[in-house]
Amino acid sequence: MRMRLDHVQVSCPPDGEDVARAFYRDALGMAEVEKPELLKARGGCWFKEGAAEVHVGVEQDFRPAKKAHPALAVDDLDALAAKLTELGYPVTWDNETIPGRRRFHTADGHGNRVEIV
């Protein structure tokens, strides 16, 4: 059996969709994807770029994920790090932990950890 990752889900507080859009759509450049009609009432928003798909779901008792995280691969790591820094998102480089892999961690507007490789 062959398996592939379909999407990852992160959470946001109620009415947190605009903050999620500012990060995933505006800062990362992902396209917002229309949610299926039956899921729209739950709130949240979905984003996709290439094979990467992130679903942001509303969680009533929201707490940001500080350890669990999606890792998104990009073509120009330095350019995205500069853009996120300019927009006020944290950028913490970690090029030593995994030999041969350049990466940094950031956080979306709700404090969820996101790794960029």
Protein backbone atom coordinates (compact mmCIF):
# COMPACT_ATOMS: atom_id res chain seq x y z
CA MET A 1 0.00 0.00 0.00
CA ARG A 2 1.28 3.44 -0.91
CA MET A 3 0.50 6.32 1.41
CA ARG A 4 0.86 10.08 1.15
CA LEU A 5 -0.03 12.94 3.42
CA ASP A 6 -3.30 14.58 2.38
CA HIS A 7 -3.34 17.59 4.74
CA VAL A 8 -2.46 18.78 8.22
CA GLN A 9 -4.80 20.58 10.57
CA VAL A 10 -3.99 23.30 13.04
CA SER A 11 -6.44 25.10 15.30
CA CYS A 12 -7.51 28.64 15.93
CA PRO A 13 -9.87 30.25 18.43
CA PRO A 14 -13.42 31.19 17.46
CA ASP A 15 -13.42 34.07 14.96
CA GLY A 16 -9.71 33.53 14.31
CA GLU A 17 -9.99 32.97 10.57
CA ASP A 18 -8.76 36.43 9.54
CA VAL A 19 -5.59 36.01 11.61
CA ALA A 20 -5.08 32.60 9.97
CA ARG A 21 -5.57 34.14 6.52
CA ALA A 22 -2.99 36.83 7.29
CA PHE A 23 -0.40 34.11 7.91
CA TYR A 24 -1.21 31.20 5.60
CA ARG A 25 -2.58 33.19 2.66
CA ASP A 26 -0.88 36.56 2.87
CA ALA A 27 2.49 35.76 4.49
CA LEU A 28 3.10 32.23 3.16
CA GLY A 29 1.34 32.79 -0.17
CA MET A 30 -0.97 29.78 0.02
CA ALA A 31 -4.27 29.93 -1.84
CA GLU A 32 -7.43 29.75 0.23
CA VAL A 33 -9.50 26.72 -0.77
CA GLU A 34 -13.30 26.69 -0.57
CA LYS A 35 -14.47 24.36 2.20
CA PRO A 36 -17.19 21.82 1.40
CA GLU A 37 -20.66 23.21 2.05
CA LEU A 38 -21.37 20.82 4.94
CA LEU A 39 -18.21 21.95 6.76
CA LYS A 40 -18.60 25.71 6.39
CA ALA A 41 -20.82 26.01 9.48
CA ARG A 42 -17.94 24.75 11.65
CA GLY A 43 -15.84 27.79 10.77
CA GLY A 44 -12.17 27.68 9.95
CA CYS A 45 -10.45 27.92 6.58
CA TRP A 46 -8.33 25.78 4.27
CA PHE A 47 -5.18 26.65 2.33
CA LYS A 48 -3.20 24.91 -0.41
CA GLU A 49 0.01 25.47 -2.34
CA GLY A 50 1.35 22.69 -4.53
CA ALA A 51 1.01 19.43 -2.60
CA ALA A 52 0.87 21.20 0.78
CA GLU A 53 -2.58 21.62 2.31
CA VAL A 54 -3.30 23.16 5.72
CA HIS A 55 -6.73 23.13 7.33
CA VAL A 56 -7.34 25.62 10.11
CA GLY A 57 -10.16 24.46 12.37
CA VAL A 58 -11.96 26.38 15.09
CA GLU A 59 -11.44 25.02 18.58
CA GLN A 60 -13.56 26.44 21.41
CA ASP A 61 -10.91 25.76 24.09
CA PHE A 62 -8.04 26.81 21.82
CA ARG A 63 -4.43 26.44 22.92
CA PRO A 64 -1.64 26.96 20.38
CA ALA A 65 0.42 23.92 19.39
CA LYS A 66 3.93 24.64 20.66
CA LYS A 67 5.49 21.26 19.76
CA ALA A 68 3.29 19.56 17.15
CA HIS A 69 3.58 21.34 13.80
CA PRO A 70 3.40 21.12 10.04
CA ALA A 71 6.70 21.38 8.16
CA LEU A 72 6.40 23.15 4.83
CA ALA A 73 9.11 22.91 2.16
CA VAL A 74 9.77 26.05 0.11
CA ASP A 75 12.05 26.92 -2.80
CA ASP A 76 13.62 30.04 -1.24
CA LEU A 77 14.06 29.64 2.50
CA ASP A 78 15.96 32.91 2.95
CA ALA A 79 13.40 35.00 1.08
CA LEU A 80 10.51 33.60 3.11
CA ALA A 81 12.42 34.11 6.38
CA ALA A 82 13.03 37.75 5.43
CA LYS A 83 9.37 38.26 4.48
CA LEU A 84 8.08 36.72 7.72
CA THR A 85 10.52 38.79 9.77
CA GLU A 86 9.42 41.95 7.97
CA LEU A 87 5.76 41.09 8.70
CA GLY A 88 6.54 40.59 12.40
CA TYR A 89 6.40 36.79 12.61
CA PRO A 90 9.14 35.09 14.65
CA VAL A 91 11.92 33.30 12.76
CA THR A 92 14.19 30.97 14.71
CA TRP A 93 16.84 29.22 12.63
CA ASP A 94 17.87 25.65 13.46
CA ASN A 95 20.48 24.43 10.98
CA GLU A 96 22.39 22.21 13.41
CA THR A 97 19.86 19.73 14.80
CA ILE A 98 19.38 17.75 11.57
CA PRO A 99 22.66 17.53 9.64
CA GLY A 100 22.37 18.84 6.10
CA ARG A 101 18.95 20.41 6.57
CA ARG A 102 18.43 24.16 6.66
CA ARG A 103 15.24 25.14 8.44
CA PHE A 104 13.58 27.62 10.71
CA HIS A 105 10.59 27.67 12.98
CA THR A 106 7.97 30.36 13.05
CA ALA A 107 4.49 30.72 14.52
CA ASP A 108 1.23 31.61 12.86
CA GLY A 109 -0.75 34.54 14.23
CA HIS A 110 -2.30 32.29 16.89
CA GLY A 111 1.03 30.96 18.15
CA ASN A 112 0.95 27.55 16.43
CA ARG A 113 4.44 26.31 15.60
CA VAL A 114 5.27 25.97 11.89
CA GLU A 115 8.54 24.60 10.52
CA ILE A 116 9.85 25.81 7.17
CA VAL A 117 12.45 23.69 5.33
